[in-house]
């Protein structure tokens, strides 16, 4: 027969199990069990915290993206801060009726559209939706012809397909900037302010 997957982990577990008296109880995932839900939250938090400390590309253009919405859906804005060779640019845009997730994606795409196609880019986002989508979910969506596992079309399909083209045409490194505001990179905080100011101009005009 073939070796089982993760053999070394199962062997280690078996060694530990023999040292204790353990009663195993199977709990269906996401079925409302308080302790199981808590463990799931902790695991998800740890997974999201896994972020490479250093850039993969020495000459990468740094991009920070944030979005702001008044209602979800509702009026929305995206803000982008671009840092390259000691220079900083700020860009923003708005839509009268949109969602926060959509604005996060639009911000990424707008930033990539104005950057040189031959330069690697490092994108920092605090959006779980963008980070997880761009680094993992998008592969499954592409295989399923942009459908979710239940067969329904994914949200913001047009934007994800546009981003997919960017991912295959240039080096892009993603950074998960989620965390307490005081712990976020300065560029991400500035991008947030740019988005907030753009939204304010939209809603007060």
Protein backbone atom coordinates (compact mmCIF):
# COMPACT_ATOMS: atom_id res chain seq x y z
CA UNK A 1 0.00 0.00 0.00
CA UNK A 2 0.88 3.67 -0.23
CA UNK A 3 2.08 5.70 2.80
CA UNK A 4 -0.66 7.70 4.48
CA UNK A 5 -0.58 11.49 4.18
CA UNK A 6 1.08 13.33 7.09
CA UNK A 7 2.52 10.08 8.40
CA UNK A 8 5.00 11.77 10.75
CA UNK A 9 2.21 13.78 12.39
CA UNK A 10 0.00 10.73 12.94
CA UNK A 11 2.95 8.86 14.46
CA UNK A 12 3.65 11.75 16.81
CA UNK A 13 -0.03 11.93 17.77
CA UNK A 14 -0.13 8.19 18.47
CA UNK A 15 2.91 8.50 20.73
CA UNK A 16 1.17 11.23 22.74
CA UNK A 17 -2.20 9.46 22.83
CA UNK A 18 -0.67 6.40 24.48
CA UNK A 19 0.44 8.58 27.40
CA UNK A 20 -3.09 9.72 28.27
CA UNK A 21 -6.62 8.49 28.75
CA UNK A 22 -8.60 10.29 26.07
CA UNK A 23 -12.30 10.20 25.21
CA UNK A 24 -12.81 11.34 21.61
CA UNK A 25 -16.01 13.12 20.63
CA UNK A 26 -16.78 14.14 17.04
CA UNK A 27 -18.46 17.52 16.60
CA UNK A 28 -19.86 18.66 13.26
CA UNK A 29 -18.18 21.85 12.11
CA UNK A 30 -20.12 25.13 12.36
CA UNK A 31 -23.05 23.40 14.04
CA UNK A 32 -23.32 25.85 16.92
CA UNK A 33 -21.06 24.11 19.43
CA UNK A 34 -19.62 26.96 21.50
CA UNK A 35 -16.19 25.47 22.10
CA UNK A 36 -15.81 24.28 18.52
CA UNK A 37 -16.78 27.69 17.18
CA UNK A 38 -14.23 29.32 19.48
CA UNK A 39 -11.47 26.99 18.30
CA UNK A 40 -12.40 27.76 14.71
CA UNK A 41 -12.14 31.49 15.41
CA UNK A 42 -8.69 31.06 16.96
CA UNK A 43 -7.47 28.95 14.04
CA UNK A 44 -8.78 31.48 11.53
CA UNK A 45 -7.13 34.35 13.40
CA UNK A 46 -3.81 32.51 13.42
CA UNK A 47 -4.08 31.72 9.71
CA UNK A 48 -4.77 35.34 8.82
CA UNK A 49 -1.79 36.44 10.90
CA UNK A 50 0.63 34.47 8.73
CA UNK A 51 2.30 37.21 6.74
CA UNK A 52 5.80 37.14 5.28
CA UNK A 53 7.98 39.66 7.10
CA UNK A 54 10.01 40.68 4.09
CA UNK A 55 9.23 41.50 0.51
CA UNK A 56 9.92 38.83 -2.07
CA UNK A 57 11.17 41.46 -4.51
CA UNK A 58 13.86 43.98 -3.66
CA UNK A 59 12.61 46.53 -6.20
CA UNK A 60 8.88 46.02 -5.62
CA UNK A 61 6.52 48.98 -5.78
CA UNK A 62 4.65 49.21 -2.48
CA UNK A 63 0.87 49.55 -2.76
CA UNK A 64 -1.54 50.10 0.14
CA UNK A 65 -5.28 49.78 -0.48
CA UNK A 66 -8.29 50.62 1.68
CA UNK A 67 -11.99 51.21 1.08
CA UNK A 68 -14.75 53.13 2.83
CA UNK A 69 -18.51 52.82 2.41
CA UNK A 70 -21.55 54.54 3.88
CA UNK A 71 -23.85 51.58 4.08
CA UNK A 72 -23.09 48.24 2.50
CA UNK A 73 -24.30 48.55 -0.20
CA UNK A 74 -24.23 52.32 -0.44
CA UNK A 75 -21.93 55.13 -1.55
CA UNK A 76 -18.33 53.97 -1.48
CA UNK A 77 -14.74 54.98 -2.12
CA UNK A 78 -11.34 53.42 -2.50
CA UNK A 79 -8.01 54.90 -1.50
CA UNK A 80 -4.55 53.89 -2.67
CA UNK A 81 -1.08 54.91 -1.53
CA UNK A 82 1.83 54.00 -3.80
CA UNK A 83 5.44 54.15 -2.62
CA UNK A 84 8.29 53.76 -5.09
CA UNK A 85 11.90 54.83 -4.82
CA UNK A 86 11.25 57.37 -2.09
CA UNK A 87 8.25 58.94 -3.81
CA UNK A 88 4.63 58.63 -2.68
CA UNK A 89 1.42 58.98 -4.67
CA UNK A 90 -2.19 58.97 -3.50
CA UNK A 91 -5.16 58.01 -5.65
CA UNK A 92 -8.86 57.58 -4.97
CA UNK A 93 -12.19 56.98 -6.65
CA UNK A 94 -15.85 56.69 -5.76
CA UNK A 95 -19.07 54.98 -6.79
CA UNK A 96 -22.58 56.10 -5.88
CA UNK A 97 -23.83 52.58 -5.13
CA UNK A 98 -21.40 49.82 -4.31
CA UNK A 99 -20.06 47.55 -1.55
CA UNK A 100 -16.95 47.66 0.59
CA UNK A 101 -15.60 44.45 -0.95
CA UNK A 102 -16.07 45.81 -4.43
CA UNK A 103 -14.26 49.04 -3.57
CA UNK A 104 -11.33 47.10 -2.11
CA UNK A 105 -10.98 45.18 -5.38
CA UNK A 106 -11.41 48.27 -7.55
CA UNK A 107 -8.66 49.99 -5.56
CA UNK A 108 -6.27 47.12 -6.25
CA UNK A 109 -7.10 47.09 -9.96
CA UNK A 110 -6.84 50.86 -10.32
CA UNK A 111 -3.43 50.82 -8.67
CA UNK A 112 -2.16 48.06 -10.95
CA UNK A 113 -3.52 49.89 -14.00
CA UNK A 114 -1.28 52.91 -13.43
CA UNK A 115 1.88 51.00 -12.51
CA UNK A 116 4.54 49.84 -14.99
CA UNK A 117 3.68 46.33 -16.17
CA UNK A 118 7.30 45.18 -15.92
CA UNK A 119 7.73 46.00 -12.22
CA UNK A 120 6.94 43.63 -9.33
CA UNK A 121 4.34 44.89 -6.88
CA UNK A 122 3.73 44.28 -3.20
CA UNK A 123 0.13 44.94 -2.16
CA UNK A 124 -0.85 45.43 1.48
CA UNK A 125 -4.54 45.08 2.32
CA UNK A 126 -6.51 44.73 5.53
CA UNK A 127 -9.39 43.07 3.67
CA UNK A 128 -9.79 39.35 4.41
CA UNK A 129 -11.90 39.13 1.26
CA UNK A 130 -9.15 40.47 -0.99
CA UNK A 131 -6.23 38.76 0.76
CA UNK A 132 -7.80 35.31 0.98
CA UNK A 133 -9.36 35.63 -2.45
CA UNK A 134 -6.15 36.65 -4.20
CA UNK A 135 -3.90 34.14 -2.42
CA UNK A 136 -6.18 31.12 -2.35
CA UNK A 137 -9.86 31.21 -3.24
CA UNK A 138 -9.27 32.49 -6.77
CA UNK A 139 -7.67 29.20 -7.81
CA UNK A 140 -10.81 27.22 -6.96
CA UNK A 141 -13.06 29.81 -8.56
CA UNK A 142 -11.07 29.62 -11.78
CA UNK A 143 -11.24 25.81 -11.86
CA UNK A 144 -15.01 25.94 -11.34
CA UNK A 145 -15.48 28.56 -14.08
CA UNK A 146 -16.02 31.33 -11.51
CA UNK A 147 -18.64 29.47 -9.54
CA UNK A 148 -18.77 28.82 -5.81
CA UNK A 149 -18.83 25.27 -4.49
CA UNK A 150 -22.63 25.37 -4.45
CA UNK A 151 -22.69 26.20 -8.14
CA UNK A 152 -23.69 29.85 -7.71
CA UNK A 153 -21.69 32.62 -9.42
CA UNK A 154 -19.14 34.33 -7.20
CA UNK A 155 -19.68 37.93 -6.18
CA UNK A 156 -17.77 40.58 -8.13
CA UNK A 157 -16.91 38.08 -10.85
CA UNK A 158 -15.88 40.79 -13.30
CA UNK A 159 -13.34 42.23 -10.89
CA UNK A 160 -11.90 38.86 -9.88
CA UNK A 161 -11.44 37.89 -13.51
CA UNK A 162 -9.67 41.18 -14.17
CA UNK A 163 -7.42 40.60 -11.16
CA UNK A 164 -6.71 37.05 -12.30
CA UNK A 165 -5.25 38.45 -15.53
CA UNK A 166 -2.99 40.72 -13.50
CA UNK A 167 -1.85 37.85 -11.29
CA UNK A 168 -0.69 35.89 -14.32
CA UNK A 169 1.02 38.80 -16.05
CA UNK A 170 3.25 40.28 -13.34
CA UNK A 171 4.86 39.35 -10.00
CA UNK A 172 2.51 40.35 -7.17
CA UNK A 173 3.21 39.72 -3.49
CA UNK A 174 0.38 40.08 -1.00
CA UNK A 175 0.68 41.27 2.60
CA UNK A 176 -2.09 40.81 5.15
CA UNK A 177 -2.23 44.14 6.96
CA UNK A 178 -5.19 43.31 9.16
CA UNK A 179 -4.81 44.23 12.81
CA UNK A 180 -5.33 47.02 15.29
CA UNK A 181 -5.21 50.41 13.58
CA UNK A 182 -2.16 51.43 15.60
CA UNK A 183 -0.33 48.31 14.39
CA UNK A 184 -1.08 48.77 10.70
CA UNK A 185 1.59 50.04 8.29
CA UNK A 186 1.63 53.81 7.87
CA UNK A 187 0.82 53.45 4.18
CA UNK A 188 -2.33 51.48 4.98
CA UNK A 189 -3.47 54.11 7.48
CA UNK A 190 -2.90 56.81 4.87
CA UNK A 191 -4.86 54.84 2.26
CA UNK A 192 -7.74 54.59 4.72
CA UNK A 193 -7.74 58.35 5.20
CA UNK A 194 -7.65 58.91 1.43
CA UNK A 195 -10.71 56.67 1.02
CA UNK A 196 -12.57 58.37 3.87
CA UNK A 197 -11.92 61.83 2.42
CA UNK A 198 -13.03 60.73 -1.05
CA UNK A 199 -16.25 59.30 0.37
CA UNK A 200 -16.87 62.50 2.30
CA UNK A 201 -16.59 64.56 -0.88
CA UNK A 202 -19.01 62.21 -2.62
CA UNK A 203 -21.68 62.21 0.07
CA UNK A 204 -21.48 65.93 0.84
CA UNK A 205 -21.54 67.15 -2.75
